[in-house]
PDB file of N, CA and C in Angstrom:
ATOM      1  N   UNK A   1     167.332  90.263  46.683  1.00  0.00           N
ATOM      2  CA  UNK A   1     166.360  90.806  47.598  1.00  0.00           C
ATOM      3  C   UNK A   1     165.312  91.642  46.848  1.00  0.00           C
ATOM      4  N   UNK A   2     165.733  92.488  45.929  1.00  0.00           N
ATOM      5  CA  UNK A   2     164.808  93.302  45.135  1.00  0.00           C
ATOM      6  C   UNK A   2     163.819  92.420  44.379  1.00  0.00           C
ATOM      7  N   UNK A   3     164.343  91.387  43.741  1.00  0.00           N
ATOM      8  CA  UNK A   3     163.475  90.498  42.968  1.00  0.00           C
ATOM      9  C   UNK A   3     162.479  89.768  43.864  1.00  0.00           C
ATOM     10  N   UNK A   4     162.946  89.252  44.995  1.00  0.00           N
ATOM     11  CA  UNK A   4     162.066  88.497  45.885  1.00  0.00           C
ATOM     12  C   UNK A   4     160.937  89.371  46.433  1.00  0.00           C
ATOM     13  N   UNK A   5     161.266  90.575  46.851  1.00  0.00           N
ATOM     14  CA  UNK A   5     160.243  91.487  47.382  1.00  0.00           C
ATOM     15  C   UNK A   5     159.243  91.859  46.288  1.00  0.00           C
ATOM     16  N   UNK A   6     159.759  92.166  45.108  1.00  0.00           N
ATOM     17  CA  UNK A   6     158.884  92.548  44.000  1.00  0.00           C
ATOM     18  C   UNK A   6     157.982  91.389  43.584  1.00  0.00           C
ATOM     19  N   UNK A   7     158.519  90.180  43.530  1.00  0.00           N
ATOM     20  CA  UNK A   7     157.704  89.013  43.166  1.00  0.00           C
ATOM     21  C   UNK A   7     156.597  88.768  44.188  1.00  0.00           C
ATOM     22  N   UNK A   8     156.892  89.028  45.448  1.00  0.00           N
ATOM     23  CA  UNK A   8     155.888  88.817  46.491  1.00  0.00           C
ATOM     24  C   UNK A   8     154.721  89.813  46.336  1.00  0.00           C
ATOM     25  N   UNK A   9     155.021  91.044  45.968  1.00  0.00           N
ATOM     26  CA  UNK A   9     153.986  92.067  45.839  1.00  0.00           C
ATOM     27  C   UNK A   9     153.314  92.073  44.459  1.00  0.00           C
ATOM     28  N   UNK A  10     154.017  91.577  43.455  1.00  0.00           N
ATOM     29  CA  UNK A  10     153.485  91.556  42.082  1.00  0.00           C
ATOM     30  C   UNK A  10     153.675  90.155  41.496  1.00  0.00           C
ATOM     31  N   UNK A  11     152.896  89.190  41.982  1.00  0.00           N
ATOM     32  CA  UNK A  11     153.071  87.797  41.547  1.00  0.00           C
ATOM     33  C   UNK A  11     152.752  87.562  40.072  1.00  0.00           C
ATOM     34  N   UNK A  12     152.021  88.481  39.437  1.00  0.00           N
ATOM     35  CA  UNK A  12     151.696  88.313  38.018  1.00  0.00           C
ATOM     36  C   UNK A  12     152.856  88.723  37.117  1.00  0.00           C
ATOM     37  N   UNK A  13     153.871  89.363  37.681  1.00  0.00           N
ATOM     38  CA  UNK A  13     155.048  89.691  36.897  1.00  0.00           C
ATOM     39  C   UNK A  13     155.519  91.128  37.064  1.00  0.00           C
ATOM     40  N   UNK A  14     156.776  91.314  36.777  1.00  0.00           N
ATOM     41  CA  UNK A  14     157.424  92.624  36.811  1.00  0.00           C
ATOM     42  C   UNK A  14     158.697  92.504  35.988  1.00  0.00           C
ATOM     43  N   UNK A  15     159.249  93.630  35.597  1.00  0.00           N
ATOM     44  CA  UNK A  15     160.524  93.637  34.878  1.00  0.00           C
ATOM     45  C   UNK A  15     161.520  94.465  35.672  1.00  0.00           C
ATOM     46  N   UNK A  16     162.732  93.958  35.801  1.00  0.00           N
ATOM     47  CA  UNK A  16     163.801  94.677  36.476  1.00  0.00           C
ATOM     48  C   UNK A  16     164.895  94.932  35.449  1.00  0.00           C
ATOM     49  N   UNK A  17     165.162  96.206  35.199  1.00  0.00           N
ATOM     50  CA  UNK A  17     166.135  96.619  34.194  1.00  0.00           C
ATOM     51  C   UNK A  17     167.382  97.124  34.915  1.00  0.00           C
ATOM     52  N   UNK A  18     168.529  96.576  34.571  1.00  0.00           N
ATOM     53  CA  UNK A  18     169.791  97.026  35.160  1.00  0.00           C
ATOM     54  C   UNK A  18     170.306  98.214  34.363  1.00  0.00           C
ATOM     55  N   UNK A  19     170.745  99.244  35.073  1.00  0.00           N
ATOM     56  CA  UNK A  19     171.169 100.477  34.409  1.00  0.00           C
ATOM     57  C   UNK A  19     172.320 101.126  35.178  1.00  0.00           C
ATOM     58  N   UNK A  20     172.905 102.118  34.570  1.00  0.00           N
ATOM     59  CA  UNK A  20     173.890 102.951  35.251  1.00  0.00           C
ATOM     60  C   UNK A  20     173.198 104.272  35.550  1.00  0.00           C
ATOM     61  N   UNK A  21     173.210 104.669  36.806  1.00  0.00           N
ATOM     62  CA  UNK A  21     172.501 105.872  37.201  1.00  0.00           C
ATOM     63  C   UNK A  21     173.422 106.921  37.792  1.00  0.00           C
ATOM     64  N   UNK A  22     172.878 108.125  37.908  1.00  0.00           N
ATOM     65  CA  UNK A  22     173.580 109.238  38.551  1.00  0.00           C
ATOM     66  C   UNK A  22     172.569 110.022  39.358  1.00  0.00           C
ATOM     67  N   UNK A  23     173.010 110.560  40.456  1.00  0.00           N
ATOM     68  CA  UNK A  23     172.170 111.416  41.272  1.00  0.00           C
ATOM     69  C   UNK A  23     173.035 112.519  41.857  1.00  0.00           C
ATOM     70  N   UNK A  24     172.387 113.655  42.135  1.00  0.00           N
ATOM     71  CA  UNK A  24     173.123 114.797  42.647  1.00  0.00           C
ATOM     72  C   UNK A  24     173.165 114.744  44.161  1.00  0.00           C
ATOM     73  N   UNK A  25     174.364 114.764  44.726  1.00  0.00           N
ATOM     74  CA  UNK A  25     174.562 114.781  46.169  1.00  0.00           C
ATOM     75  C   UNK A  25     174.789 116.231  46.597  1.00  0.00           C
ATOM     76  N   UNK A  26     173.804 116.853  47.243  1.00  0.00           N
ATOM     77  CA  UNK A  26     173.943 118.267  47.603  1.00  0.00           C
ATOM     78  C   UNK A  26     175.053 118.533  48.618  1.00  0.00           C
ATOM     79  N   UNK A  27     175.368 117.540  49.456  1.00  0.00           N
ATOM     80  CA  UNK A  27     176.456 117.738  50.425  1.00  0.00           C
ATOM     81  C   UNK A  27     177.807 117.832  49.729  1.00  0.00           C
ATOM     82  N   UNK A  28     178.016 116.975  48.740  1.00  0.00           N
ATOM     83  CA  UNK A  28     179.280 116.987  47.976  1.00  0.00           C
ATOM     84  C   UNK A  28     179.255 118.003  46.844  1.00  0.00           C
ATOM     85  N   UNK A  29     178.035 118.456  46.510  1.00  0.00           N
ATOM     86  CA  UNK A  29     177.846 119.361  45.372  1.00  0.00           C
ATOM     87  C   UNK A  29     178.418 118.751  44.093  1.00  0.00           C
ATOM     88  N   UNK A  30     178.073 117.463  43.907  1.00  0.00           N
ATOM     89  CA  UNK A  30     178.571 116.732  42.741  1.00  0.00           C
ATOM     90  C   UNK A  30     177.620 115.589  42.427  1.00  0.00           C
ATOM     91  N   UNK A  31     177.689 115.129  41.169  1.00  0.00           N
ATOM     92  CA  UNK A  31     176.916 113.957  40.781  1.00  0.00           C
ATOM     93  C   UNK A  31     177.668 112.704  41.198  1.00  0.00           C
ATOM     94  N   UNK A  32     176.928 111.707  41.642  1.00  0.00           N
ATOM     95  CA  UNK A  32     177.480 110.424  42.048  1.00  0.00           C
ATOM     96  C   UNK A  32     176.953 109.378  41.078  1.00  0.00           C
ATOM     97  N   UNK A  33     177.856 108.610  40.485  1.00  0.00           N
ATOM     98  CA  UNK A  33     177.452 107.534  39.571  1.00  0.00           C
ATOM     99  C   UNK A  33     177.343 106.235  40.352  1.00  0.00           C
ATOM    100  N   UNK A  34     176.376 105.421  39.965  1.00  0.00           N
ATOM    101  CA  UNK A  34     176.198 104.133  40.637  1.00  0.00           C
ATOM    102  C   UNK A  34     175.365 103.204  39.770  1.00  0.00           C
ATOM    103  N   UNK A  35     175.421 101.938  40.103  1.00  0.00           N
ATOM    104  CA  UNK A  35     174.545 100.971  39.457  1.00  0.00           C
ATOM    105  C   UNK A  35     173.119 101.297  39.886  1.00  0.00           C
ATOM    106  N   UNK A  36     172.173 101.127  39.000  1.00  0.00           N
ATOM    107  CA  UNK A  36     170.780 101.452  39.297  1.00  0.00           C
ATOM    108  C   UNK A  36     169.877 100.360  38.755  1.00  0.00           C
ATOM    109  N   UNK A  37     168.676 100.319  39.245  1.00  0.00           N
ATOM    110  CA  UNK A  37     167.661  99.386  38.765  1.00  0.00           C
ATOM    111  C   UNK A  37     166.394 100.171  38.469  1.00  0.00           C
ATOM    112  N   UNK A  38     165.761  99.826  37.379  1.00  0.00           N
ATOM    113  CA  UNK A  38     164.431 100.326  37.075  1.00  0.00           C
ATOM    114  C   UNK A  38     163.500  99.135  37.187  1.00  0.00           C
ATOM    115  N   UNK A  39     162.466  99.274  37.974  1.00  0.00           N
ATOM    116  CA  UNK A  39     161.521  98.184  38.174  1.00  0.00           C
ATOM    117  C   UNK A  39     160.195  98.608  37.557  1.00  0.00           C
ATOM    118  N   UNK A  40     159.717  97.821  36.623  1.00  0.00           N
ATOM    119  CA  UNK A  40     158.461  98.107  35.932  1.00  0.00           C
ATOM    120  C   UNK A  40     157.384  97.182  36.477  1.00  0.00           C
ATOM    121  N   UNK A  41     156.355  97.780  37.058  1.00  0.00           N
ATOM    122  CA  UNK A  41     155.237  97.010  37.600  1.00  0.00           C
ATOM    123  C   UNK A  41     153.932  97.638  37.133  1.00  0.00           C
ATOM    124  N   UNK A  42     152.870  96.905  37.261  1.00  0.00           N
ATOM    125  CA  UNK A  42     151.544  97.411  36.924  1.00  0.00           C
ATOM    126  C   UNK A  42     150.692  97.307  38.186  1.00  0.00           C
ATOM    127  N   UNK A  43     150.152  98.455  38.631  1.00  0.00           N
ATOM    128  CA  UNK A  43     149.336  98.485  39.843  1.00  0.00           C
ATOM    129  C   UNK A  43     148.042  99.225  39.556  1.00  0.00           C
ATOM    130  N   UNK A  44     147.018  98.924  40.319  1.00  0.00           N
ATOM    131  CA  UNK A  44     145.707  99.544  40.125  1.00  0.00           C
ATOM    132  C   UNK A  44     145.668 100.996  40.604  1.00  0.00           C
ATOM    133  N   UNK A  45     146.565 101.361  41.517  1.00  0.00           N
ATOM    134  CA  UNK A  45     146.592 102.730  42.036  1.00  0.00           C
ATOM    135  C   UNK A  45     147.927 102.990  42.718  1.00  0.00           C
ATOM    136  N   UNK A  46     148.186 104.260  43.027  1.00  0.00           N
ATOM    137  CA  UNK A  46     149.406 104.589  43.768  1.00  0.00           C
ATOM    138  C   UNK A  46     149.361 103.988  45.169  1.00  0.00           C
ATOM    139  N   UNK A  47     148.170 103.927  45.741  1.00  0.00           N
ATOM    140  CA  UNK A  47     148.020 103.339  47.081  1.00  0.00           C
ATOM    141  C   UNK A  47     148.460 101.873  47.093  1.00  0.00           C
ATOM    142  N   UNK A  48     148.238 101.171  45.991  1.00  0.00           N
ATOM    143  CA  UNK A  48     148.627  99.759  45.900  1.00  0.00           C
ATOM    144  C   UNK A  48     150.149  99.587  45.910  1.00  0.00           C
ATOM    145  N   UNK A  49     150.892 100.640  45.605  1.00  0.00           N
ATOM    146  CA  UNK A  49     152.358 100.576  45.600  1.00  0.00           C
ATOM    147  C   UNK A  49     152.955 100.735  46.993  1.00  0.00           C
ATOM    148  N   UNK A  50     152.212 101.325  47.915  1.00  0.00           N
ATOM    149  CA  UNK A  50     152.744 101.685  49.226  1.00  0.00           C
ATOM    150  C   UNK A  50     153.379 100.516  49.992  1.00  0.00           C
ATOM    151  N   UNK A  51     152.742  99.350  50.107  1.00  0.00           N
ATOM    152  CA  UNK A  51     153.369  98.256  50.862  1.00  0.00           C
ATOM    153  C   UNK A  51     154.682  97.790  50.223  1.00  0.00           C
ATOM    154  N   UNK A  52     154.711  97.742  48.901  1.00  0.00           N
ATOM    155  CA  UNK A  52     155.930  97.349  48.178  1.00  0.00           C
ATOM    156  C   UNK A  52     157.039  98.373  48.412  1.00  0.00           C
ATOM    157  N   UNK A  53     156.712  99.662  48.264  1.00  0.00           N
ATOM    158  CA  UNK A  53     157.706 100.719  48.477  1.00  0.00           C
ATOM    159  C   UNK A  53     158.228 100.698  49.910  1.00  0.00           C
ATOM    160  N   UNK A  54     157.353 100.507  50.888  1.00  0.00           N
ATOM    161  CA  UNK A  54     157.770 100.484  52.293  1.00  0.00           C
ATOM    162  C   UNK A  54     158.728  99.319  52.555  1.00  0.00           C
ATOM    163  N   UNK A  55     158.405  98.155  52.026  1.00  0.00           N
ATOM    164  CA  UNK A  55     159.278  96.998  52.244  1.00  0.00           C
ATOM    165  C   UNK A  55     160.621  97.184  51.545  1.00  0.00           C
ATOM    166  N   UNK A  56     160.596  97.707  50.323  1.00  0.00           N
ATOM    167  CA  UNK A  56     161.850  97.969  49.612  1.00  0.00           C
ATOM    168  C   UNK A  56     162.695  99.010  50.341  1.00  0.00           C
ATOM    169  N   UNK A  57     162.068 100.089  50.797  1.00  0.00           N
ATOM    170  CA  UNK A  57     162.804 101.138  51.498  1.00  0.00           C
ATOM    171  C   UNK A  57     163.509 100.587  52.729  1.00  0.00           C
ATOM    172  N   UNK A  58     162.822  99.753  53.462  1.00  0.00           N
ATOM    173  CA  UNK A  58     163.411  99.153  54.657  1.00  0.00           C
ATOM    174  C   UNK A  58     164.551  98.195  54.295  1.00  0.00           C
ATOM    175  N   UNK A  59     164.305  97.321  53.341  1.00  0.00           N
ATOM    176  CA  UNK A  59     165.298  96.304  52.968  1.00  0.00           C
ATOM    177  C   UNK A  59     166.542  96.907  52.314  1.00  0.00           C
ATOM    178  N   UNK A  60     166.348  97.958  51.534  1.00  0.00           N
ATOM    179  CA  UNK A  60     167.458  98.552  50.785  1.00  0.00           C
ATOM    180  C   UNK A  60     168.010  99.821  51.440  1.00  0.00           C
ATOM    181  N   UNK A  61     167.483 100.185  52.606  1.00  0.00           N
ATOM    182  CA  UNK A  61     167.897 101.388  53.331  1.00  0.00           C
ATOM    183  C   UNK A  61     167.821 102.625  52.437  1.00  0.00           C
ATOM    184  N   UNK A  62     166.653 102.795  51.793  1.00  0.00           N
ATOM    185  CA  UNK A  62     166.420 103.921  50.899  1.00  0.00           C
ATOM    186  C   UNK A  62     165.475 104.915  51.554  1.00  0.00           C
ATOM    187  N   UNK A  63     165.704 106.195  51.300  1.00  0.00           N
ATOM    188  CA  UNK A  63     164.834 107.233  51.833  1.00  0.00           C
ATOM    189  C   UNK A  63     163.708 107.568  50.873  1.00  0.00           C
ATOM    190  N   UNK A  64     163.937 107.362  49.573  1.00  0.00           N
ATOM    191  CA  UNK A  64     162.902 107.691  48.592  1.00  0.00           C
ATOM    192  C   UNK A  64     163.104 106.887  47.318  1.00  0.00           C
ATOM    193  N   UNK A  65     162.027 106.810  46.548  1.00  0.00           N
ATOM    194  CA  UNK A  65     162.042 106.168  45.237  1.00  0.00           C
ATOM    195  C   UNK A  65     161.443 107.136  44.239  1.00  0.00           C
ATOM    196  N   UNK A  66     161.846 107.029  43.002  1.00  0.00           N
ATOM    197  CA  UNK A  66     161.205 107.809  41.951  1.00  0.00           C
ATOM    198  C   UNK A  66     160.162 106.911  41.307  1.00  0.00           C
ATOM    199  N   UNK A  67     158.914 107.368  41.295  1.00  0.00           N
ATOM    200  CA  UNK A  67     157.813 106.625  40.695  1.00  0.00           C
ATOM    201  C   UNK A  67     157.350 107.401  39.468  1.00  0.00           C
ATOM    202  N   UNK A  68     157.263 106.713  38.346  1.00  0.00           N
ATOM    203  CA  UNK A  68     156.783 107.326  37.107  1.00  0.00           C
ATOM    204  C   UNK A  68     155.476 106.640  36.745  1.00  0.00           C
ATOM    205  N   UNK A  69     154.425 107.409  36.642  1.00  0.00           N
ATOM    206  CA  UNK A  69     153.110 106.867  36.333  1.00  0.00           C
ATOM    207  C   UNK A  69     152.848 106.982  34.841  1.00  0.00           C
ATOM    208  N   UNK A  70     152.446 105.881  34.254  1.00  0.00           N
ATOM    209  CA  UNK A  70     152.060 105.867  32.845  1.00  0.00           C
ATOM    210  C   UNK A  70     150.565 105.652  32.755  1.00  0.00           C
ATOM    211  N   UNK A  71     150.039 105.632  31.567  1.00  0.00           N
ATOM    212  CA  UNK A  71     148.604 105.442  31.358  1.00  0.00           C
ATOM    213  C   UNK A  71     148.128 104.061  31.771  1.00  0.00           C
ATOM    214  N   UNK A  72     146.868 103.805  31.523  1.00  0.00           N
ATOM    215  CA  UNK A  72     146.266 102.518  31.863  1.00  0.00           C
ATOM    216  C   UNK A  72     146.937 101.389  31.109  1.00  0.00           C
ATOM    217  N   UNK A  73     147.120 100.288  31.805  1.00  0.00           N
ATOM    218  CA  UNK A  73     147.721  99.114  31.182  1.00  0.00           C
ATOM    219  C   UNK A  73     146.645  98.302  30.468  1.00  0.00           C
ATOM    220  N   UNK A  74     147.026  97.669  29.402  1.00  0.00           N
ATOM    221  CA  UNK A  74     146.137  96.748  28.715  1.00  0.00           C
ATOM    222  C   UNK A  74     147.000  95.667  28.081  1.00  0.00           C
ATOM    223  N   UNK A  75     146.399  94.554  27.758  1.00  0.00           N
ATOM    224  CA  UNK A  75     147.157  93.480  27.113  1.00  0.00           C
ATOM    225  C   UNK A  75     146.663  93.312  25.685  1.00  0.00           C
ATOM    226  N   UNK A  76     147.526  92.826  24.869  1.00  0.00           N
ATOM    227  CA  UNK A  76     147.221  92.586  23.469  1.00  0.00           C
ATOM    228  C   UNK A  76     147.622  91.158  23.160  1.00  0.00           C
ATOM    229  N   UNK A  77     146.713  90.398  22.618  1.00  0.00           N
ATOM    230  CA  UNK A  77     147.014  89.010  22.224  1.00  0.00           C
ATOM    231  C   UNK A  77     147.056  88.944  20.711  1.00  0.00           C
ATOM    232  N   UNK A  78     148.180  88.501  20.223  1.00  0.00           N
ATOM    233  CA  UNK A  78     148.324  88.345  18.779  1.00  0.00           C
ATOM    234  C   UNK A  78     147.582  87.058  18.373  1.00  0.00           C
ATOM    235  N   UNK A  79     146.685  87.189  17.412  1.00  0.00           N
ATOM    236  CA  UNK A  79     145.937  86.011  16.952  1.00  0.00           C
ATOM    237  C   UNK A  79     146.672  85.311  15.821  1.00  0.00           C
ATOM    238  N   UNK A  80     146.021  84.304  15.314  1.00  0.00           N
ATOM    239  CA  UNK A  80     146.592  83.586  14.168  1.00  0.00           C
ATOM    240  C   UNK A  80     146.664  84.517  12.972  1.00  0.00           C
ATOM    241  N   UNK A  81     147.685  84.343  12.208  1.00  0.00           N
ATOM    242  CA  UNK A  81     147.807  85.151  10.995  1.00  0.00           C
ATOM    243  C   UNK A  81     146.776  84.678   9.983  1.00  0.00           C
ATOM    244  N   UNK A  82     146.187  85.656   9.309  1.00  0.00           N
ATOM    245  CA  UNK A  82     145.206  85.294   8.298  1.00  0.00           C
ATOM    246  C   UNK A  82     145.933  84.857   7.034  1.00  0.00           C
ATOM    247  N   UNK A  83     145.413  83.858   6.412  1.00  0.00           N
ATOM    248  CA  UNK A  83     146.006  83.432   5.135  1.00  0.00           C
ATOM    249  C   UNK A  83     145.315  84.205   4.021  1.00  0.00           C
ATOM    250  N   UNK A  84     146.042  84.476   2.974  1.00  0.00           N
ATOM    251  CA  UNK A  84     145.485  85.254   1.854  1.00  0.00           C
ATOM    252  C   UNK A  84     144.952  84.351   0.802  1.00  0.00           C
TER     253      UNK A  84
END
């Protein structure tokens, strides 16, 4: 489900990294360990993420997501190696 929703919103590509996560549960006053996913996408703005986040929140029954913003994306194409 995560992959299908992400592919629909980011058809040019995304990366999904499987991880082990922990979060603090204030009711239990303890950390809870669980399987986690990190999804790497490239968007033009935070506003462009809203439809994807809303659909994921509904599908996965999540109240919030952690979003980490990095600098501007760019691509690099490796050319032919020069011969000496």
